[in-house]
């Protein structure tokens, strides 16, 4: 890898371990506003990521 890190040997690839805080990110909301994870720190939330719609998996 170009950043000097080693490829993951974790059985789930590059997935973080359970309990590891998610890095900050920003996403568009359905109403056109922006949601930042940093703005939700301290609030219970569930993050769920799924494959692209209509794909296997």
C-alpha atoms as a PDB file:
ATOM      1  CA  UNK A   1       0.000   0.000   0.000  1.00  0.00           C
ATOM      2  CA  UNK A   2       1.272   3.464  -0.835  1.00  0.00           C
ATOM      3  CA  UNK A   3       0.662   4.868   2.668  1.00  0.00           C
ATOM      4  CA  UNK A   4       3.113   2.395   4.200  1.00  0.00           C
ATOM      5  CA  UNK A   5       0.425   0.313   5.885  1.00  0.00           C
ATOM      6  CA  UNK A   6       0.265  -3.424   5.477  1.00  0.00           C
ATOM      7  CA  UNK A   7      -2.653  -5.247   3.826  1.00  0.00           C
ATOM      8  CA  UNK A   8      -5.202  -6.448   6.338  1.00  0.00           C
ATOM      9  CA  UNK A   9      -4.972 -10.021   7.565  1.00  0.00           C
ATOM     10  CA  UNK A  10      -8.245  -9.623   9.461  1.00  0.00           C
ATOM     11  CA  UNK A  11     -10.770 -12.302   8.404  1.00  0.00           C
ATOM     12  CA  UNK A  12     -13.240  -9.541   7.477  1.00  0.00           C
ATOM     13  CA  UNK A  13     -10.737  -7.622   5.337  1.00  0.00           C
ATOM     14  CA  UNK A  14     -10.420  -3.956   6.301  1.00  0.00           C
ATOM     15  CA  UNK A  15     -13.484  -3.922   8.538  1.00  0.00           C
ATOM     16  CA  UNK A  16     -12.970  -2.256  11.934  1.00  0.00           C
ATOM     17  CA  UNK A  17     -13.340  -4.300  15.075  1.00  0.00           C
ATOM     18  CA  UNK A  18     -16.671  -4.172  16.870  1.00  0.00           C
ATOM     19  CA  UNK A  19     -16.729  -1.179  19.225  1.00  0.00           C
ATOM     20  CA  UNK A  20     -14.208   0.876  17.234  1.00  0.00           C
ATOM     21  CA  UNK A  21     -15.534   4.437  16.820  1.00  0.00           C
ATOM     22  CA  UNK A  22     -16.400   5.333  13.234  1.00  0.00           C
ATOM     23  CA  UNK A  23     -14.320   8.049  11.583  1.00  0.00           C
ATOM     24  CA  UNK A  24     -16.053  11.370  11.001  1.00  0.00           C
ATOM     25  CA  UNK A  25     -17.910  11.654   7.709  1.00  0.00           C
ATOM     26  CA  UNK A  26     -20.546  13.833   6.066  1.00  0.00           C
ATOM     27  CA  UNK A  27     -23.595  12.630   4.133  1.00  0.00           C
ATOM     28  CA  UNK A  28     -26.406  14.375   2.280  1.00  0.00           C
ATOM     29  CA  UNK A  29     -29.831  14.036   3.913  1.00  0.00           C
ATOM     30  CA  UNK A  30     -33.031  13.442   1.980  1.00  0.00           C
ATOM     31  CA  UNK A  31     -34.176  17.031   2.584  1.00  0.00           C
ATOM     32  CA  UNK A  32     -31.010  18.535   1.052  1.00  0.00           C
ATOM     33  CA  UNK A  33     -29.302  19.293   4.357  1.00  0.00           C
ATOM     34  CA  UNK A  34     -26.009  17.739   5.444  1.00  0.00           C
ATOM     35  CA  UNK A  35     -25.523  15.271   8.283  1.00  0.00           C
ATOM     36  CA  UNK A  36     -22.124  15.086   9.981  1.00  0.00           C
ATOM     37  CA  UNK A  37     -21.277  12.201  12.268  1.00  0.00           C
ATOM     38  CA  UNK A  38     -19.351  14.606  14.504  1.00  0.00           C
ATOM     39  CA  UNK A  39     -22.611  16.488  15.173  1.00  0.00           C
ATOM     40  CA  UNK A  40     -24.179  13.270  16.486  1.00  0.00           C
ATOM     41  CA  UNK A  41     -21.398  12.233  18.893  1.00  0.00           C
ATOM     42  CA  UNK A  42     -22.858  11.356  22.280  1.00  0.00           C
ATOM     43  CA  UNK A  43     -26.219  10.471  20.718  1.00  0.00           C
ATOM     44  CA  UNK A  44     -27.087   6.785  20.229  1.00  0.00           C
ATOM     45  CA  UNK A  45     -27.169   6.064  16.486  1.00  0.00           C
ATOM     46  CA  UNK A  46     -27.055   3.002  14.283  1.00  0.00           C
ATOM     47  CA  UNK A  47     -24.947   3.038  11.132  1.00  0.00           C
ATOM     48  CA  UNK A  48     -25.896   0.487   8.524  1.00  0.00           C
ATOM     49  CA  UNK A  49     -24.078   0.137   5.232  1.00  0.00           C
ATOM     50  CA  UNK A  50     -25.285  -2.163   2.504  1.00  0.00           C
ATOM     51  CA  UNK A  51     -24.215  -3.068  -1.025  1.00  0.00           C
ATOM     52  CA  UNK A  52     -25.557  -1.046  -3.901  1.00  0.00           C
ATOM     53  CA  UNK A  53     -29.267  -1.652  -4.500  1.00  0.00           C
ATOM     54  CA  UNK A  54     -30.158  -4.512  -6.818  1.00  0.00           C
ATOM     55  CA  UNK A  55     -26.804  -6.287  -6.444  1.00  0.00           C
ATOM     56  CA  UNK A  56     -26.083  -9.721  -5.079  1.00  0.00           C
ATOM     57  CA  UNK A  57     -24.857  -9.855  -1.539  1.00  0.00           C
END
